[in-house]
N, C-alpha and C. Protein backbone atom coordinates (compact mmCIF):
# COMPACT_ATOMS: atom_id res chain seq x y z
N UNK A 1 49.30 41.11 57.55
CA UNK A 1 50.70 40.93 57.91
C UNK A 1 51.56 42.04 57.38
N UNK A 2 51.12 42.64 56.28
CA UNK A 2 51.93 43.65 55.67
C UNK A 2 51.87 44.98 56.47
N UNK A 3 50.82 45.14 57.35
CA UNK A 3 50.68 46.34 58.08
C UNK A 3 51.76 46.44 59.22
N UNK A 4 52.21 45.38 59.76
CA UNK A 4 53.14 45.42 60.86
C UNK A 4 54.51 45.97 60.36
N UNK A 5 55.04 45.48 59.24
CA UNK A 5 56.33 45.99 58.79
C UNK A 5 56.24 47.51 58.43
N UNK A 6 55.11 47.98 57.85
CA UNK A 6 54.93 49.32 57.48
C UNK A 6 54.85 50.16 58.77
N UNK A 7 54.20 49.69 59.79
CA UNK A 7 54.05 50.41 61.06
C UNK A 7 55.45 50.48 61.71
N UNK A 8 56.21 49.46 61.65
CA UNK A 8 57.56 49.44 62.22
C UNK A 8 58.48 50.41 61.48
N UNK A 9 58.37 50.45 60.16
CA UNK A 9 59.14 51.36 59.38
C UNK A 9 58.78 52.78 59.72
N UNK A 10 57.50 53.12 59.82
CA UNK A 10 57.10 54.46 60.21
C UNK A 10 57.56 54.86 61.59
N UNK A 11 57.46 53.93 62.49
CA UNK A 11 57.93 54.15 63.88
C UNK A 11 59.42 54.42 63.91
N UNK A 12 60.16 53.64 63.17
CA UNK A 12 61.62 53.82 63.08
C UNK A 12 61.97 55.15 62.44
N UNK A 13 61.23 55.48 61.41
CA UNK A 13 61.48 56.78 60.72
C UNK A 13 61.18 57.94 61.66
N UNK A 14 60.08 57.86 62.45
CA UNK A 14 59.73 58.91 63.44
C UNK A 14 60.77 59.00 64.51
N UNK A 15 61.30 57.90 64.97
CA UNK A 15 62.30 57.91 66.00
C UNK A 15 63.66 58.52 65.47
N UNK A 16 63.93 58.23 64.25
CA UNK A 16 65.14 58.77 63.63
C UNK A 16 65.04 60.25 63.47
N UNK A 17 63.84 60.70 63.01
CA UNK A 17 63.58 62.10 62.79
C UNK A 17 63.65 62.86 64.14
N UNK A 18 63.10 62.29 65.16
CA UNK A 18 63.15 62.89 66.55
C UNK A 18 64.55 63.05 67.02
N UNK A 19 65.36 61.97 66.82
CA UNK A 19 66.74 61.97 67.26
C UNK A 19 67.52 63.08 66.43
N UNK A 20 67.24 63.20 65.17
CA UNK A 20 67.90 64.21 64.35
C UNK A 20 67.55 65.63 64.82
N UNK A 21 66.32 65.85 65.14
CA UNK A 21 65.88 67.13 65.66
C UNK A 21 66.57 67.43 66.93
N UNK A 22 66.70 66.47 67.83
CA UNK A 22 67.37 66.74 69.11
C UNK A 22 68.83 67.05 68.93
N UNK A 23 69.45 66.37 67.96
CA UNK A 23 70.91 66.65 67.69
C UNK A 23 71.08 68.04 67.11
N UNK A 24 70.19 68.49 66.22
CA UNK A 24 70.32 69.74 65.58
C UNK A 24 69.94 70.95 66.41
N UNK A 25 69.05 70.76 67.40
CA UNK A 25 68.67 71.84 68.23
C UNK A 25 69.86 72.34 69.07
N UNK A 26 70.00 73.68 69.22
CA UNK A 26 71.06 74.19 70.07
C UNK A 26 70.80 73.88 71.55
N UNK A 27 71.80 73.75 72.26
CA UNK A 27 71.71 73.41 73.67
C UNK A 27 72.17 74.64 74.52
N UNK A 28 71.26 75.59 74.72
CA UNK A 28 71.68 76.81 75.41
C UNK A 28 72.18 76.59 76.81
N UNK A 29 71.76 75.64 77.48
CA UNK A 29 72.18 75.41 78.88
C UNK A 29 73.66 74.98 78.84
N UNK A 30 74.03 74.13 77.95
CA UNK A 30 75.41 73.76 77.84
C UNK A 30 76.33 74.85 77.38
N UNK A 31 75.85 75.63 76.41
CA UNK A 31 76.64 76.73 75.83
C UNK A 31 76.83 77.80 76.93
N UNK A 32 75.79 78.09 77.67
CA UNK A 32 75.92 79.06 78.77
C UNK A 32 76.90 78.53 79.85
N UNK A 33 76.76 77.29 80.19
CA UNK A 33 77.65 76.68 81.17
C UNK A 33 79.13 76.77 80.71
N UNK A 34 79.35 76.44 79.44
CA UNK A 34 80.70 76.47 78.90
C UNK A 34 81.21 77.88 78.85
N UNK A 35 80.42 78.85 78.46
CA UNK A 35 80.88 80.22 78.44
C UNK A 35 81.15 80.73 79.84
N UNK A 36 80.36 80.38 80.81
CA UNK A 36 80.59 80.80 82.19
C UNK A 36 81.85 80.09 82.77
N UNK A 37 82.07 78.86 82.40
CA UNK A 37 83.23 78.14 82.87
C UNK A 37 84.48 78.84 82.25
N UNK A 38 84.45 79.22 81.04
CA UNK A 38 85.59 79.89 80.44
C UNK A 38 85.84 81.24 81.09
N UNK A 39 84.76 81.99 81.35
CA UNK A 39 84.88 83.26 81.98
C UNK A 39 85.51 83.10 83.42
N UNK A 40 85.10 82.08 84.12
CA UNK A 40 85.66 81.81 85.44
C UNK A 40 87.12 81.49 85.33
N UNK A 41 87.49 80.71 84.28
CA UNK A 41 88.91 80.32 84.08
C UNK A 41 89.71 81.64 83.85
N UNK A 42 89.17 82.56 83.06
CA UNK A 42 89.88 83.85 82.81
C UNK A 42 90.02 84.68 84.05
N UNK A 43 88.95 84.68 84.90
CA UNK A 43 89.03 85.40 86.20
C UNK A 43 90.13 84.80 87.06
N UNK A 44 90.25 83.49 87.07
CA UNK A 44 91.32 82.87 87.86
C UNK A 44 92.67 83.22 87.31
N UNK A 45 92.83 83.25 85.94
CA UNK A 45 94.07 83.60 85.42
C UNK A 45 94.45 85.05 85.68
N UNK A 46 93.49 85.92 85.59
CA UNK A 46 93.70 87.37 85.93
C UNK A 46 94.16 87.48 87.37
N UNK A 47 93.45 86.76 88.24
CA UNK A 47 93.81 86.84 89.69
C UNK A 47 95.28 86.37 89.90
N UNK A 48 95.61 85.28 89.25
CA UNK A 48 97.00 84.76 89.32
C UNK A 48 97.99 85.80 88.87
N UNK A 49 97.70 86.48 87.75
CA UNK A 49 98.63 87.53 87.21
C UNK A 49 98.77 88.69 88.19
N UNK A 50 97.60 89.07 88.83
CA UNK A 50 97.71 90.17 89.81
C UNK A 50 98.56 89.68 91.04
N UNK A 51 98.32 88.48 91.51
CA UNK A 51 99.12 87.93 92.63
C UNK A 51 100.57 87.90 92.31
N UNK A 52 100.90 87.69 91.04
CA UNK A 52 102.30 87.58 90.54
C UNK A 52 102.84 88.94 90.08
N UNK A 53 101.97 89.95 90.22
CA UNK A 53 102.34 91.33 89.87
C UNK A 53 102.67 91.46 88.38
N UNK A 54 101.99 90.73 87.56
CA UNK A 54 102.19 90.82 86.12
C UNK A 54 101.13 91.74 85.54
N UNK A 55 101.50 92.33 84.39
CA UNK A 55 100.51 93.20 83.67
C UNK A 55 99.57 92.25 82.99
N UNK A 56 98.25 92.51 83.06
CA UNK A 56 97.23 91.66 82.44
C UNK A 56 97.01 92.12 81.00
N UNK A 57 97.16 91.17 80.03
CA UNK A 57 96.95 91.54 78.64
C UNK A 57 95.53 92.10 78.40
N UNK A 58 95.43 93.00 77.49
CA UNK A 58 94.13 93.69 77.21
C UNK A 58 93.05 92.67 76.81
N UNK A 59 93.43 91.66 76.07
CA UNK A 59 92.43 90.66 75.62
C UNK A 59 91.63 90.01 76.72
N UNK A 60 92.25 89.93 77.87
CA UNK A 60 91.60 89.28 79.04
C UNK A 60 90.43 90.15 79.57
N UNK A 61 90.49 91.43 79.30
CA UNK A 61 89.50 92.35 79.84
C UNK A 61 88.13 92.12 79.26
N UNK A 62 88.01 91.47 78.14
CA UNK A 62 86.74 91.31 77.46
C UNK A 62 85.85 90.31 78.34
N UNK A 63 86.43 89.61 79.22
CA UNK A 63 85.71 88.66 80.04
C UNK A 63 85.26 89.24 81.41
N UNK A 64 85.50 90.54 81.52
CA UNK A 64 85.19 91.25 82.79
C UNK A 64 84.10 92.28 82.53
N UNK A 65 83.33 92.59 83.58
CA UNK A 65 82.37 93.69 83.43
C UNK A 65 83.12 95.01 83.32
N UNK A 66 82.47 96.04 82.98
CA UNK A 66 83.17 97.31 82.68
C UNK A 66 83.83 97.89 83.92
N UNK A 67 83.27 97.79 85.09
CA UNK A 67 83.87 98.32 86.30
C UNK A 67 85.18 97.50 86.61
N UNK A 68 85.07 96.23 86.55
CA UNK A 68 86.30 95.42 86.91
C UNK A 68 87.36 95.60 85.83
N UNK A 69 86.98 95.69 84.56
CA UNK A 69 87.94 95.89 83.52
C UNK A 69 88.70 97.26 83.73
N UNK A 70 87.95 98.24 84.14
CA UNK A 70 88.56 99.55 84.48
C UNK A 70 89.56 99.47 85.63
N UNK A 71 89.19 98.64 86.65
CA UNK A 71 90.07 98.46 87.83
C UNK A 71 91.36 97.76 87.39
N UNK A 72 91.26 96.74 86.45
CA UNK A 72 92.41 96.05 86.03
C UNK A 72 93.32 96.95 85.15
N UNK A 73 92.71 97.77 84.34
CA UNK A 73 93.46 98.77 83.54
C UNK A 73 94.28 99.72 84.43
N UNK A 74 93.64 100.15 85.49
CA UNK A 74 94.30 101.06 86.47
C UNK A 74 95.46 100.33 87.19
N UNK A 75 95.24 99.07 87.54
CA UNK A 75 96.27 98.18 88.09
C UNK A 75 97.46 98.07 87.14
N UNK A 76 97.13 97.80 85.90
CA UNK A 76 98.22 97.72 84.84
C UNK A 76 99.07 98.96 84.79
N UNK A 77 98.43 100.12 84.73
CA UNK A 77 99.15 101.40 84.67
C UNK A 77 99.97 101.59 85.93
N UNK A 78 99.42 101.29 87.09
CA UNK A 78 100.20 101.49 88.31
C UNK A 78 101.39 100.49 88.41
N UNK A 79 101.11 99.28 87.95
CA UNK A 79 102.21 98.30 88.00
C UNK A 79 103.40 98.72 87.08
N UNK A 80 103.05 99.15 85.86
CA UNK A 80 104.07 99.60 84.92
C UNK A 80 104.87 100.79 85.44
N UNK A 81 104.14 101.74 85.94
CA UNK A 81 104.83 102.95 86.48
C UNK A 81 105.73 102.62 87.67
N UNK A 82 105.22 101.80 88.59
CA UNK A 82 105.98 101.46 89.77
C UNK A 82 107.20 100.60 89.43
N UNK A 83 107.06 99.70 88.47
CA UNK A 83 108.24 98.87 88.09
C UNK A 83 109.30 99.83 87.54
N UNK A 84 108.94 100.81 86.74
CA UNK A 84 109.94 101.74 86.24
C UNK A 84 110.68 102.50 87.34
N UNK A 85 109.88 102.94 88.31
CA UNK A 85 110.49 103.64 89.45
C UNK A 85 111.36 102.75 90.33
N UNK A 86 110.81 101.52 90.58
CA UNK A 86 111.57 100.59 91.37
C UNK A 86 112.90 100.16 90.61
N UNK A 87 112.82 100.10 89.35
CA UNK A 87 113.97 99.75 88.57
C UNK A 87 115.09 100.74 88.74
N UNK A 88 114.70 102.03 88.80
CA UNK A 88 115.72 103.07 89.04
C UNK A 88 116.43 102.88 90.42
N UNK A 89 115.58 102.57 91.43
CA UNK A 89 116.12 102.42 92.79
C UNK A 89 116.94 101.11 92.81
N UNK A 90 116.45 100.07 92.20
CA UNK A 90 117.17 98.75 92.19
C UNK A 90 118.48 98.91 91.48
N UNK A 91 118.59 99.72 90.42
CA UNK A 91 119.88 99.97 89.75
C UNK A 91 120.87 100.61 90.75
N UNK A 92 120.44 101.55 91.52
CA UNK A 92 121.34 102.15 92.57
C UNK A 92 121.82 101.09 93.56
N UNK A 93 120.87 100.18 93.95
CA UNK A 93 121.23 99.19 94.90
C UNK A 93 122.23 98.19 94.38
N UNK A 94 122.01 97.72 93.14
CA UNK A 94 122.92 96.79 92.48
C UNK A 94 124.27 97.42 92.20
N UNK A 95 124.29 98.66 91.84
CA UNK A 95 125.58 99.34 91.63
C UNK A 95 126.34 99.41 92.91
N UNK A 96 125.70 99.66 94.05
CA UNK A 96 126.33 99.68 95.37
C UNK A 96 126.84 98.27 95.69
N UNK A 97 126.03 97.24 95.41
CA UNK A 97 126.41 95.88 95.85
C UNK A 97 127.61 95.36 94.99
N UNK A 98 127.59 95.67 93.73
CA UNK A 98 128.56 95.10 92.79
C UNK A 98 129.80 95.99 92.65
N UNK A 99 129.58 97.29 92.59
CA UNK A 99 130.68 98.19 92.25
C UNK A 99 131.15 99.07 93.38
N UNK A 100 131.03 98.60 94.60
CA UNK A 100 131.44 99.36 95.75
C UNK A 100 132.90 99.68 95.72
N UNK A 101 133.72 98.73 95.25
CA UNK A 101 135.18 98.91 95.29
C UNK A 101 135.79 99.01 93.93
N UNK A 102 135.01 99.12 92.90
CA UNK A 102 135.52 99.27 91.53
C UNK A 102 134.57 100.11 90.69
N UNK A 103 135.08 100.49 89.57
CA UNK A 103 134.27 101.41 88.68
C UNK A 103 133.37 100.56 87.80
N UNK A 104 132.17 100.98 87.61
CA UNK A 104 131.16 100.30 86.77
C UNK A 104 131.61 100.51 85.30
N UNK A 105 131.41 99.43 84.46
CA UNK A 105 131.81 99.54 83.08
C UNK A 105 130.77 100.40 82.24
N UNK A 106 129.66 100.81 82.87
CA UNK A 106 128.66 101.57 82.10
C UNK A 106 127.46 100.66 81.80
N UNK A 107 126.36 101.35 81.58
CA UNK A 107 125.12 100.63 81.43
C UNK A 107 125.11 99.61 80.31
N UNK A 108 125.72 99.89 79.18
CA UNK A 108 125.61 99.00 78.00
C UNK A 108 126.73 97.92 78.05
N UNK A 109 127.59 97.93 79.00
CA UNK A 109 128.67 96.94 79.09
C UNK A 109 128.46 96.00 80.28
N UNK A 110 127.33 96.09 80.96
CA UNK A 110 127.06 95.28 82.12
C UNK A 110 126.82 93.85 81.74
N UNK A 111 127.15 92.93 82.62
CA UNK A 111 126.87 91.48 82.37
C UNK A 111 125.34 91.29 82.49
N UNK A 112 124.88 90.19 81.93
CA UNK A 112 123.43 89.88 81.98
C UNK A 112 122.96 89.75 83.43
N UNK A 113 123.80 89.22 84.30
CA UNK A 113 123.40 88.98 85.70
C UNK A 113 123.09 90.31 86.37
N UNK A 114 123.76 91.38 85.99
CA UNK A 114 123.49 92.74 86.59
C UNK A 114 122.05 93.11 86.30
N UNK A 115 121.56 92.95 85.08
CA UNK A 115 120.15 93.30 84.74
C UNK A 115 119.20 92.34 85.33
N UNK A 116 119.63 91.09 85.47
CA UNK A 116 118.71 90.11 86.12
C UNK A 116 118.48 90.49 87.53
N UNK A 117 119.51 90.88 88.31
CA UNK A 117 119.35 91.30 89.67
C UNK A 117 118.40 92.52 89.78
N UNK A 118 118.65 93.51 88.88
CA UNK A 118 117.82 94.70 88.93
C UNK A 118 116.34 94.33 88.69
N UNK A 119 116.14 93.45 87.72
CA UNK A 119 114.75 93.04 87.42
C UNK A 119 114.11 92.30 88.59
N UNK A 120 114.86 91.39 89.21
CA UNK A 120 114.30 90.66 90.40
C UNK A 120 114.00 91.56 91.55
N UNK A 121 114.94 92.47 91.88
CA UNK A 121 114.75 93.37 93.02
C UNK A 121 113.53 94.29 92.72
N UNK A 122 113.45 94.83 91.54
CA UNK A 122 112.32 95.71 91.18
C UNK A 122 110.99 94.95 91.23
N UNK A 123 111.00 93.74 90.84
CA UNK A 123 109.76 92.92 90.87
C UNK A 123 109.40 92.61 92.33
N UNK A 124 110.35 92.20 93.14
CA UNK A 124 110.10 91.91 94.57
C UNK A 124 109.66 93.11 95.34
N UNK A 125 110.08 94.33 94.87
CA UNK A 125 109.68 95.54 95.56
C UNK A 125 108.20 95.78 95.43
N UNK A 126 107.57 95.13 94.44
CA UNK A 126 106.10 95.26 94.34
C UNK A 126 105.32 94.63 95.47
N UNK A 127 106.03 93.88 96.33
CA UNK A 127 105.41 93.21 97.43
C UNK A 127 105.86 93.91 98.71
N UNK A 128 105.08 93.75 99.74
CA UNK A 128 105.45 94.37 101.05
C UNK A 128 106.68 93.76 101.73
N UNK A 129 106.85 92.43 101.52
CA UNK A 129 107.95 91.73 102.12
C UNK A 129 109.17 91.58 101.18
N UNK A 130 109.63 92.70 100.74
CA UNK A 130 110.70 92.76 99.71
C UNK A 130 111.96 92.03 100.21
N UNK A 131 112.41 92.31 101.45
CA UNK A 131 113.59 91.71 101.97
C UNK A 131 113.51 90.14 102.00
N UNK A 132 112.40 89.66 102.47
CA UNK A 132 112.23 88.20 102.59
C UNK A 132 112.25 87.57 101.22
N UNK A 133 111.63 88.19 100.20
CA UNK A 133 111.58 87.61 98.86
C UNK A 133 112.98 87.65 98.24
N UNK A 134 113.72 88.76 98.41
CA UNK A 134 115.04 88.88 97.88
C UNK A 134 115.99 87.85 98.56
N UNK A 135 115.89 87.76 99.84
CA UNK A 135 116.75 86.80 100.63
C UNK A 135 116.50 85.39 100.22
N UNK A 136 115.20 85.03 99.94
CA UNK A 136 114.90 83.66 99.55
C UNK A 136 115.19 83.36 98.10
N UNK A 137 115.45 84.37 97.28
CA UNK A 137 115.75 84.16 95.93
C UNK A 137 117.14 83.48 95.72
N UNK A 138 117.18 82.41 94.93
CA UNK A 138 118.46 81.64 94.84
C UNK A 138 119.52 82.48 94.18
N UNK A 139 119.19 83.47 93.37
CA UNK A 139 120.19 84.27 92.68
C UNK A 139 120.69 85.43 93.60
N UNK A 140 119.73 86.12 94.21
CA UNK A 140 120.07 87.24 95.03
C UNK A 140 120.55 86.85 96.49
N UNK A 141 120.08 85.78 96.97
CA UNK A 141 120.35 85.34 98.31
C UNK A 141 121.86 85.29 98.69
N UNK A 142 122.61 84.73 97.78
CA UNK A 142 124.07 84.62 98.04
C UNK A 142 124.70 85.99 98.11
N UNK A 143 124.41 86.84 97.18
CA UNK A 143 124.92 88.17 97.20
C UNK A 143 124.59 88.98 98.44
N UNK A 144 123.33 88.80 98.85
CA UNK A 144 122.90 89.55 100.04
C UNK A 144 123.57 88.92 101.35
N UNK A 145 123.80 87.64 101.31
CA UNK A 145 124.50 87.04 102.46
C UNK A 145 125.91 87.52 102.56
N UNK A 146 126.51 87.87 101.43
CA UNK A 146 127.91 88.29 101.43
C UNK A 146 128.05 89.81 101.53
N UNK A 147 126.94 90.49 101.59
CA UNK A 147 127.02 91.95 101.66
C UNK A 147 127.67 92.35 103.00
N UNK A 148 128.53 93.33 102.95
CA UNK A 148 129.30 93.74 104.15
C UNK A 148 129.00 95.18 104.45
N UNK A 149 129.38 95.58 105.62
CA UNK A 149 129.25 97.02 105.97
C UNK A 149 128.03 97.26 106.85
N UNK A 150 127.87 98.44 107.30
CA UNK A 150 126.85 98.81 108.18
C UNK A 150 125.40 98.84 107.56
N UNK A 151 125.35 98.77 106.20
CA UNK A 151 124.10 98.90 105.56
C UNK A 151 123.47 97.60 105.21
N UNK A 152 124.08 96.47 105.74
CA UNK A 152 123.54 95.17 105.46
C UNK A 152 122.06 95.09 105.76
N UNK A 153 121.26 94.68 104.80
CA UNK A 153 119.85 94.52 105.05
C UNK A 153 119.04 95.78 104.96
N UNK A 154 119.68 96.94 104.89
CA UNK A 154 118.90 98.21 104.87
C UNK A 154 118.34 98.52 103.50
N UNK A 155 118.95 98.06 102.44
CA UNK A 155 118.54 98.52 101.12
C UNK A 155 117.13 98.24 100.72
N UNK A 156 116.47 97.17 101.22
CA UNK A 156 115.07 96.99 100.89
C UNK A 156 114.15 98.16 101.43
N UNK A 157 114.68 98.79 102.50
CA UNK A 157 113.98 99.96 103.05
C UNK A 157 113.90 101.10 102.06
N UNK A 158 114.78 101.13 101.07
CA UNK A 158 114.73 102.23 100.15
C UNK A 158 113.44 102.18 99.30
N UNK A 159 112.65 101.08 99.40
CA UNK A 159 111.41 100.94 98.66
C UNK A 159 110.16 101.30 99.46
N UNK A 160 110.20 100.91 100.75
CA UNK A 160 108.95 101.01 101.56
C UNK A 160 109.05 101.67 102.92
N UNK A 161 110.22 101.81 103.46
CA UNK A 161 110.28 102.29 104.86
C UNK A 161 110.36 103.83 104.91
N UNK A 162 109.57 104.33 105.85
CA UNK A 162 109.54 105.76 106.08
C UNK A 162 110.95 106.15 106.60
N UNK A 163 111.45 107.25 106.09
CA UNK A 163 112.74 107.68 106.53
C UNK A 163 113.87 107.18 105.60
N UNK A 164 113.71 106.01 105.05
CA UNK A 164 114.71 105.52 104.11
C UNK A 164 114.34 105.74 102.64
N UNK A 165 113.09 105.46 102.37
CA UNK A 165 112.55 105.53 100.97
C UNK A 165 112.19 106.97 100.66
N UNK A 166 112.38 107.35 99.42
CA UNK A 166 111.83 108.59 98.91
C UNK A 166 110.41 108.69 99.26
N UNK A 167 109.91 109.73 99.90
CA UNK A 167 108.57 109.82 100.38
C UNK A 167 107.48 109.60 99.30
N UNK A 168 107.71 110.21 98.13
CA UNK A 168 106.78 110.07 97.04
C UNK A 168 106.73 108.57 96.58
N UNK A 169 107.87 107.95 96.50
CA UNK A 169 107.91 106.51 96.11
C UNK A 169 107.29 105.66 97.13
N UNK A 170 107.56 105.92 98.42
CA UNK A 170 106.97 105.10 99.50
C UNK A 170 105.45 105.20 99.47
N UNK A 171 104.98 106.44 99.33
CA UNK A 171 103.46 106.65 99.26
C UNK A 171 102.89 105.94 98.07
N UNK A 172 103.58 106.05 96.90
CA UNK A 172 103.12 105.35 95.70
C UNK A 172 103.09 103.87 95.91
N UNK A 173 104.03 103.34 96.59
CA UNK A 173 104.05 101.89 96.87
C UNK A 173 102.93 101.48 97.82
N UNK A 174 102.61 102.25 98.84
CA UNK A 174 101.57 102.00 99.77
C UNK A 174 100.24 102.02 99.03
N UNK A 175 100.05 103.01 98.17
CA UNK A 175 98.80 103.16 97.39
C UNK A 175 98.66 101.97 96.47
N UNK A 176 99.77 101.49 95.90
CA UNK A 176 99.71 100.36 95.02
C UNK A 176 99.30 99.05 95.76
N UNK A 177 99.88 98.85 96.93
CA UNK A 177 99.52 97.66 97.71
C UNK A 177 98.01 97.65 98.08
N UNK A 178 97.51 98.87 98.45
CA UNK A 178 96.10 99.01 98.72
C UNK A 178 95.25 98.74 97.49
N UNK A 179 95.70 99.23 96.32
CA UNK A 179 94.99 99.00 95.07
C UNK A 179 94.97 97.52 94.72
N UNK A 180 96.07 96.81 94.92
CA UNK A 180 96.12 95.37 94.67
C UNK A 180 95.12 94.63 95.55
N UNK A 181 95.14 94.93 96.85
CA UNK A 181 94.19 94.30 97.78
C UNK A 181 92.77 94.53 97.35
N UNK A 182 92.40 95.74 96.96
CA UNK A 182 91.10 96.09 96.50
C UNK A 182 90.69 95.30 95.29
N UNK A 183 91.62 95.28 94.32
CA UNK A 183 91.41 94.50 93.05
C UNK A 183 91.16 93.01 93.32
N UNK A 184 91.99 92.42 94.20
CA UNK A 184 91.83 91.00 94.55
C UNK A 184 90.50 90.74 95.18
N UNK A 185 90.00 91.67 95.98
CA UNK A 185 88.68 91.56 96.60
C UNK A 185 87.59 91.62 95.47
N UNK A 186 87.76 92.52 94.52
CA UNK A 186 86.81 92.64 93.43
C UNK A 186 86.79 91.39 92.58
N UNK A 187 87.94 90.79 92.32
CA UNK A 187 87.99 89.58 91.56
C UNK A 187 87.40 88.41 92.32
N UNK A 188 87.59 88.32 93.62
CA UNK A 188 86.97 87.31 94.46
C UNK A 188 85.44 87.46 94.43
N UNK A 189 84.95 88.69 94.48
CA UNK A 189 83.52 88.95 94.45
C UNK A 189 82.93 88.54 93.11
N UNK A 190 83.64 88.80 92.01
CA UNK A 190 83.18 88.43 90.66
C UNK A 190 83.17 86.91 90.54
N UNK A 191 84.12 86.24 91.14
CA UNK A 191 84.15 84.80 91.08
C UNK A 191 82.98 84.20 91.88
N UNK A 192 82.71 84.77 93.01
CA UNK A 192 81.62 84.30 93.91
C UNK A 192 80.26 84.49 93.26
N UNK A 193 80.14 85.54 92.45
CA UNK A 193 78.86 85.84 91.79
C UNK A 193 78.60 84.93 90.61
N UNK A 194 79.66 84.21 90.20
CA UNK A 194 79.50 83.31 89.01
C UNK A 194 78.70 82.06 89.38
């Protein structure tokens, strides 16, 4: 009769030891799945940033292969450069819209709205449908609707249209839009390979 409790104790001890070993062993399949899920999440976030024409933080590049990371760095450089150039053009547009009949107080005396308009127009110029985006914007839409004169609706052409835009700026914008499309295709392919 004493053998049964001893046997049960040993069986319980063996079961407990087996459970402990299973708990302590690493689970590579789950770790790999979690890492891949996180990488996919970062790919999605990078894609969203590119769609929104935002500069991608350098820390995100660690989740990309070398070729894709290089393409994102090139996109970042092109976005930064183009925003600066579009900001110059947008400043001219806003000065024309706001100060057509009066003198500008100067760059450092401008109201906050002035700089907001410039930023919005420069950002929307990163897209092919600049006029539609500016017209649908709740801040810019009213001003554009009230614009008078023969140039109504022409100013978005200063960014993309042949004959209205500076040729170098227009070509830079076309190259940028092609670069964005290519990068989005590369991000889609990386996501599909996951």
